[in-house]
Amino acid sequence: MLRENSRAPLDYPDEASGLHDSGILVKRDLGQNQMRVRVLFFGILKDLAERAADAVELPAGATVGELLVHYERQFPKLRELFPSVAMSVNQEYAGPEVELHADDEVGLLPPVSGGCVSG
């Protein structure tokens, strides 16, 4: 069963606070250790991101929400879909507040619609 994601679309952070309008705190300490995570794009997200998979360096302790911000900056067309995207970390559903760790695998799954009713 997919969980409903009711997050508002992210906006670029306020330079003074580091907060997006959605309330996601973007860590700005560039002196932090870096970690690498693997990201898998599915469905239309794969087309919009122009890749099926990616590896990205993030500050240690970054969250799924911060990862989404990273990709919104690279691919602005993703912004429209992110409020309804299902996210997973290491094959378990996750929210934007989930902290990432080195070598985690993040899946980004687009909203699903359609299907048929048999009867």
C-alpha atoms as a PDB file:
ATOM      1  CA  MET A   1       0.000   0.000   0.000  1.00  0.00           C
ATOM      2  CA  LEU A   2       1.429   3.366  -0.985  1.00  0.00           C
ATOM      3  CA  ARG A   3       1.423   6.112   1.571  1.00  0.00           C
ATOM      4  CA  GLU A   4      -0.004   9.469   0.648  1.00  0.00           C
ATOM      5  CA  ASN A   5       2.526  12.258   0.440  1.00  0.00           C
ATOM      6  CA  SER A   6       0.964  15.632   1.151  1.00  0.00           C
ATOM      7  CA  ARG A   7       4.119  17.753   1.138  1.00  0.00           C
ATOM      8  CA  ALA A   8       3.909  21.133  -0.508  1.00  0.00           C
ATOM      9  CA  PRO A   9       6.269  21.753  -3.433  1.00  0.00           C
ATOM     10  CA  LEU A  10       9.718  22.740  -2.289  1.00  0.00           C
ATOM     11  CA  ASP A  11      11.088  26.166  -2.975  1.00  0.00           C
ATOM     12  CA  TYR A  12      14.645  27.406  -2.888  1.00  0.00           C
ATOM     13  CA  PRO A  13      15.846  28.063   0.642  1.00  0.00           C
ATOM     14  CA  ASP A  14      15.711  31.394   2.328  1.00  0.00           C
ATOM     15  CA  GLU A  15      19.369  32.422   2.412  1.00  0.00           C
ATOM     16  CA  ALA A  16      19.208  33.653   6.001  1.00  0.00           C
ATOM     17  CA  SER A  17      17.540  30.624   7.581  1.00  0.00           C
ATOM     18  CA  GLY A  18      18.350  27.786   5.173  1.00  0.00           C
ATOM     19  CA  LEU A  19      14.666  26.773   5.270  1.00  0.00           C
ATOM     20  CA  HIS A  20      12.521  25.950   2.269  1.00  0.00           C
ATOM     21  CA  ASP A  21       8.917  27.093   2.302  1.00  0.00           C
ATOM     22  CA  SER A  22       8.040  23.457   3.054  1.00  0.00           C
ATOM     23  CA  GLY A  23      10.025  23.665   6.297  1.00  0.00           C
ATOM     24  CA  ILE A  24      12.857  21.369   5.187  1.00  0.00           C
ATOM     25  CA  LEU A  25      16.113  22.566   6.677  1.00  0.00           C
ATOM     26  CA  VAL A  26      19.001  22.564   4.237  1.00  0.00           C
ATOM     27  CA  LYS A  27      22.288  21.983   5.994  1.00  0.00           C
ATOM     28  CA  ARG A  28      24.843  24.458   4.744  1.00  0.00           C
ATOM     29  CA  ASP A  29      27.987  23.510   6.666  1.00  0.00           C
ATOM     30  CA  LEU A  30      30.348  22.661   3.819  1.00  0.00           C
ATOM     31  CA  GLY A  31      32.917  21.465   6.348  1.00  0.00           C
ATOM     32  CA  GLN A  32      30.827  18.361   7.093  1.00  0.00           C
ATOM     33  CA  ASN A  33      31.974  14.980   5.902  1.00  0.00           C
ATOM     34  CA  GLN A  34      30.470  13.918   2.611  1.00  0.00           C
ATOM     35  CA  MET A  35      28.620  10.699   1.885  1.00  0.00           C
ATOM     36  CA  ARG A  36      27.544   9.047  -1.333  1.00  0.00           C
ATOM     37  CA  VAL A  37      24.051   7.687  -1.909  1.00  0.00           C
ATOM     38  CA  ARG A  38      22.621   5.863  -4.906  1.00  0.00           C
ATOM     39  CA  VAL A  39      19.374   7.166  -6.388  1.00  0.00           C
ATOM     40  CA  LEU A  40      17.014   5.178  -8.609  1.00  0.00           C
ATOM     41  CA  PHE A  41      14.447   6.965 -10.794  1.00  0.00           C
ATOM     42  CA  PHE A  42      11.324   5.135 -11.967  1.00  0.00           C
ATOM     43  CA  GLY A  43       8.668   5.830 -14.598  1.00  0.00           C
ATOM     44  CA  ILE A  44       8.329   9.413 -15.792  1.00  0.00           C
ATOM     45  CA  LEU A  45      10.930  10.536 -13.248  1.00  0.00           C
ATOM     46  CA  LYS A  46      13.528   8.551 -15.184  1.00  0.00           C
ATOM     47  CA  ASP A  47      12.630  10.478 -18.333  1.00  0.00           C
ATOM     48  CA  LEU A  48      12.636  13.890 -16.643  1.00  0.00           C
ATOM     49  CA  ALA A  49      15.956  13.231 -14.867  1.00  0.00           C
ATOM     50  CA  GLU A  50      17.416  11.782 -18.066  1.00  0.00           C
ATOM     51  CA  ARG A  51      18.782   8.779 -16.166  1.00  0.00           C
ATOM     52  CA  ALA A  52      17.634   5.601 -14.454  1.00  0.00           C
ATOM     53  CA  ALA A  53      20.177   5.815 -11.652  1.00  0.00           C
ATOM     54  CA  ASP A  54      22.616   8.280 -10.172  1.00  0.00           C
ATOM     55  CA  ALA A  55      25.151   8.535  -7.373  1.00  0.00           C
ATOM     56  CA  VAL A  56      25.282  11.811  -5.487  1.00  0.00           C
ATOM     57  CA  GLU A  57      27.558  13.265  -2.820  1.00  0.00           C
ATOM     58  CA  LEU A  58      25.710  14.896   0.071  1.00  0.00           C
ATOM     59  CA  PRO A  59      26.749  16.249   3.460  1.00  0.00           C
ATOM     60  CA  ALA A  60      26.744  13.572   6.157  1.00  0.00           C
ATOM     61  CA  GLY A  61      23.343  13.498   7.830  1.00  0.00           C
ATOM     62  CA  ALA A  62      21.438  14.911   4.834  1.00  0.00           C
ATOM     63  CA  THR A  63      17.774  13.958   4.563  1.00  0.00           C
ATOM     64  CA  VAL A  64      15.628  12.600   1.753  1.00  0.00           C
ATOM     65  CA  GLY A  65      14.097  16.086   1.512  1.00  0.00           C
ATOM     66  CA  GLU A  66      17.510  17.614   0.928  1.00  0.00           C
ATOM     67  CA  LEU A  67      18.160  15.036  -1.780  1.00  0.00           C
ATOM     68  CA  LEU A  68      14.924  16.111  -3.486  1.00  0.00           C
ATOM     69  CA  VAL A  69      16.048  19.743  -3.335  1.00  0.00           C
ATOM     70  CA  HIS A  70      19.313  18.723  -5.012  1.00  0.00           C
ATOM     71  CA  TYR A  71      17.428  17.166  -7.933  1.00  0.00           C
ATOM     72  CA  GLU A  72      14.922  20.021  -8.192  1.00  0.00           C
ATOM     73  CA  ARG A  73      17.827  22.369  -8.776  1.00  0.00           C
ATOM     74  CA  GLN A  74      19.278  20.103 -11.473  1.00  0.00           C
ATOM     75  CA  PHE A  75      15.961  19.241 -13.133  1.00  0.00           C
ATOM     76  CA  PRO A  76      13.302  21.910 -12.424  1.00  0.00           C
ATOM     77  CA  LYS A  77      10.612  19.851 -14.206  1.00  0.00           C
ATOM     78  CA  LEU A  78      10.767  17.348 -11.330  1.00  0.00           C
ATOM     79  CA  ARG A  79       9.424  19.996  -8.931  1.00  0.00           C
ATOM     80  CA  GLU A  80       5.862  19.525 -10.175  1.00  0.00           C
ATOM     81  CA  LEU A  81       5.852  15.796  -9.423  1.00  0.00           C
ATOM     82  CA  PHE A  82       7.762  15.671  -6.126  1.00  0.00           C
ATOM     83  CA  PRO A  83       4.740  16.452  -3.906  1.00  0.00           C
ATOM     84  CA  SER A  84       3.173  13.152  -4.990  1.00  0.00           C
ATOM     85  CA  VAL A  85       6.305  11.019  -5.372  1.00  0.00           C
ATOM     86  CA  ALA A  86       6.698   7.950  -3.169  1.00  0.00           C
ATOM     87  CA  MET A  87      10.199   7.656  -1.722  1.00  0.00           C
ATOM     88  CA  SER A  88      12.085   4.682  -0.370  1.00  0.00           C
ATOM     89  CA  VAL A  89      15.378   4.242   1.425  1.00  0.00           C
ATOM     90  CA  ASN A  90      16.924   0.801   1.162  1.00  0.00           C
ATOM     91  CA  GLN A  91      13.633  -0.560  -0.223  1.00  0.00           C
ATOM     92  CA  GLU A  92      11.464   0.742   2.643  1.00  0.00           C
ATOM     93  CA  TYR A  93       9.048   3.644   2.243  1.00  0.00           C
ATOM     94  CA  ALA A  94      10.463   6.866   3.681  1.00  0.00           C
ATOM     95  CA  GLY A  95       9.420  10.465   4.202  1.00  0.00           C
ATOM     96  CA  PRO A  96      11.429  13.619   3.483  1.00  0.00           C
ATOM     97  CA  GLU A  97      12.602  13.815   7.108  1.00  0.00           C
ATOM     98  CA  VAL A  98      14.464  10.477   6.976  1.00  0.00           C
ATOM     99  CA  GLU A  99      18.203  10.891   7.479  1.00  0.00           C
ATOM    100  CA  LEU A 100      20.412   9.279   4.865  1.00  0.00           C
ATOM    101  CA  HIS A 101      23.616   7.351   5.480  1.00  0.00           C
ATOM    102  CA  ALA A 102      26.577   6.493   3.276  1.00  0.00           C
ATOM    103  CA  ASP A 103      25.759   3.928   0.586  1.00  0.00           C
ATOM    104  CA  ASP A 104      21.982   4.159   1.083  1.00  0.00           C
ATOM    105  CA  GLU A 105      19.831   3.475  -1.955  1.00  0.00           C
ATOM    106  CA  VAL A 106      16.979   5.932  -2.514  1.00  0.00           C
ATOM    107  CA  GLY A 107      14.123   5.082  -4.842  1.00  0.00           C
ATOM    108  CA  LEU A 108      11.916   7.802  -6.332  1.00  0.00           C
ATOM    109  CA  LEU A 109       8.610   6.427  -7.599  1.00  0.00           C
ATOM    110  CA  PRO A 110       6.127   8.569  -9.544  1.00  0.00           C
ATOM    111  CA  PRO A 111       2.439   8.702  -8.735  1.00  0.00           C
ATOM    112  CA  VAL A 112       0.565   5.734 -10.194  1.00  0.00           C
ATOM    113  CA  SER A 113      -2.829   6.019 -11.796  1.00  0.00           C
ATOM    114  CA  GLY A 114      -5.045   3.964 -13.981  1.00  0.00           C
ATOM    115  CA  GLY A 115      -5.615   0.245 -13.889  1.00  0.00           C
ATOM    116  CA  CYS A 116      -8.760  -1.598 -14.697  1.00  0.00           C
ATOM    117  CA  VAL A 117     -11.674  -2.923 -12.769  1.00  0.00           C
ATOM    118  CA  SER A 118     -12.509  -6.507 -13.572  1.00  0.00           C
ATOM    119  CA  GLY A 119     -15.901  -7.809 -12.977  1.00  0.00           C
END
